[in-house]
Structures are given as C-alpha cells and as structure tokens.
C-alpha cells in the first residue's frame, strides 16, 4: 500500500502519484484521470486514450480479442476478401 498527502495547489488540492505507480499503470504527465466515488472511497482510473501515443502493432491492437470476423452480408466479397472496387487516384495495388 502506498500513501500520499493531499496538498494545496493554487485554488485546488492535489495528490502526487509515485513514479513506480505511474510506470506500473502506464501513466504520463498530462494523462487524464477519471475520479469516481466508490464504496471504499475515491478511485482514480486512467481515462482510455482514443489514440495510441506509440506505434501499435497488430498483435497489441487485437490483444485479448477472441472473436472471429465476418463482413456484413451486404458487403461485396470475393471469396474471403472484401471487394473494395477498382483503384481510384494514386493507390498502389
């Protein structure tokens, strides 16, 4: 268990989060936190980022996903692949 002290920061109050916890939970300066009132008191949770702050490979992107993918029935498919139509512009195929 780690303890911290509530301190005055201007017209607000703040708590310093130890670096070891920031490292453990992937928190960086400027990250948004969600503050919730729980049964045990105040809970701080990292707000989910909409965009990755680092390059993400496919393994990381789909980590924990166990489903299968089937395109919607109204999408044009050729075999197992979606038919996106002919190239338009400067696409390289």
Protein backbone atom coordinates (compact mmCIF):
# COMPACT_ATOMS: atom_id res chain seq x y z
CA UNK A 1 0.00 0.00 0.00
CA UNK A 2 1.24 3.47 -0.87
CA UNK A 3 0.14 6.59 0.97
CA UNK A 4 0.09 10.19 -0.25
CA UNK A 5 -0.72 13.59 1.22
CA UNK A 6 -3.35 15.95 -0.13
CA UNK A 7 -1.62 19.28 -0.77
CA UNK A 8 -2.78 22.73 -1.86
CA UNK A 9 -2.07 23.66 -5.50
CA UNK A 10 -3.28 27.18 -6.14
CA UNK A 11 -7.05 27.20 -5.56
CA UNK A 12 -7.23 23.38 -5.77
CA UNK A 13 -5.86 20.36 -3.98
CA UNK A 14 -3.62 17.70 -5.46
CA UNK A 15 -2.04 14.34 -4.76
CA UNK A 16 1.34 13.28 -6.10
CA UNK A 17 1.28 9.81 -7.63
CA UNK A 18 4.58 7.94 -7.08
CA UNK A 19 6.61 7.22 -10.21
CA UNK A 20 6.52 3.48 -9.51
CA UNK A 21 2.70 3.50 -9.80
CA UNK A 22 2.82 5.71 -12.91
CA UNK A 23 5.23 3.24 -14.51
CA UNK A 24 3.15 0.25 -13.45
CA UNK A 25 -0.06 1.67 -14.96
CA UNK A 26 1.49 3.47 -17.94
CA UNK A 27 0.66 6.99 -16.73
CA UNK A 28 2.47 10.06 -18.02
CA UNK A 29 2.36 13.76 -17.21
CA UNK A 30 -0.72 15.23 -18.88
CA UNK A 31 -2.75 11.99 -18.89
CA UNK A 32 -6.39 12.38 -17.93
CA UNK A 33 -7.72 10.51 -14.90
CA UNK A 34 -11.32 9.69 -14.08
CA UNK A 35 -12.28 10.36 -10.46
CA UNK A 36 -15.06 8.13 -9.13
CA UNK A 37 -16.66 7.75 -5.74
CA UNK A 38 -16.64 4.08 -4.84
CA UNK A 39 -17.79 2.08 -1.84
CA UNK A 40 -14.27 2.25 -0.40
CA UNK A 41 -13.78 5.97 -1.12
CA UNK A 42 -12.25 7.88 -4.04
CA UNK A 43 -10.95 5.90 -7.02
CA UNK A 44 -8.64 7.28 -9.73
CA UNK A 45 -8.68 5.48 -13.06
CA UNK A 46 -6.78 6.27 -16.26
CA UNK A 47 -9.07 7.63 -18.96
CA UNK A 48 -8.89 5.41 -22.04
CA UNK A 49 -6.94 7.08 -24.80
CA UNK A 50 -8.73 7.40 -28.12
CA UNK A 51 -5.45 7.25 -29.99
CA UNK A 52 -2.26 5.42 -29.16
CA UNK A 53 0.69 7.54 -28.09
CA UNK A 54 3.09 4.98 -29.55
CA UNK A 55 3.11 2.81 -32.68
CA UNK A 56 0.83 -0.20 -32.17
CA UNK A 57 1.38 -3.50 -33.97
CA UNK A 58 -1.47 -5.85 -34.87
CA UNK A 59 -0.71 -8.24 -32.01
CA UNK A 60 -1.09 -5.42 -29.47
CA UNK A 61 -4.14 -4.00 -31.23
CA UNK A 62 -6.02 -7.30 -31.06
CA UNK A 63 -4.62 -8.48 -27.71
CA UNK A 64 -7.33 -10.30 -25.79
CA UNK A 65 -9.76 -10.46 -28.74
CA UNK A 66 -11.04 -13.97 -29.28
CA UNK A 67 -13.82 -13.36 -31.80
CA UNK A 68 -13.96 -14.00 -35.50
CA UNK A 69 -14.73 -11.51 -38.23
CA UNK A 70 -17.44 -11.85 -40.78
CA UNK A 71 -18.16 -8.87 -43.05
CA UNK A 72 -21.78 -7.69 -43.20
CA UNK A 73 -23.90 -9.66 -45.64
CA UNK A 74 -24.49 -6.64 -47.89
CA UNK A 75 -20.73 -6.07 -48.48
CA UNK A 76 -19.39 -7.30 -51.83
CA UNK A 77 -16.95 -10.17 -51.22
CA UNK A 78 -14.76 -12.25 -53.48
CA UNK A 79 -14.06 -15.47 -51.61
CA UNK A 80 -12.85 -14.49 -48.13
CA UNK A 81 -11.84 -10.97 -49.17
CA UNK A 82 -13.88 -7.78 -49.40
CA UNK A 83 -14.08 -6.32 -52.91
CA UNK A 84 -13.22 -2.64 -52.50
CA UNK A 85 -13.63 -1.92 -56.20
CA UNK A 86 -11.14 -0.61 -58.73
CA UNK A 87 -8.29 1.70 -57.66
CA UNK A 88 -9.13 5.41 -57.82
CA UNK A 89 -6.41 8.04 -57.70
CA UNK A 90 -2.83 7.05 -56.86
CA UNK A 91 -3.38 3.83 -54.88
CA UNK A 92 -0.73 1.18 -55.35
CA UNK A 93 -2.11 -2.38 -55.69
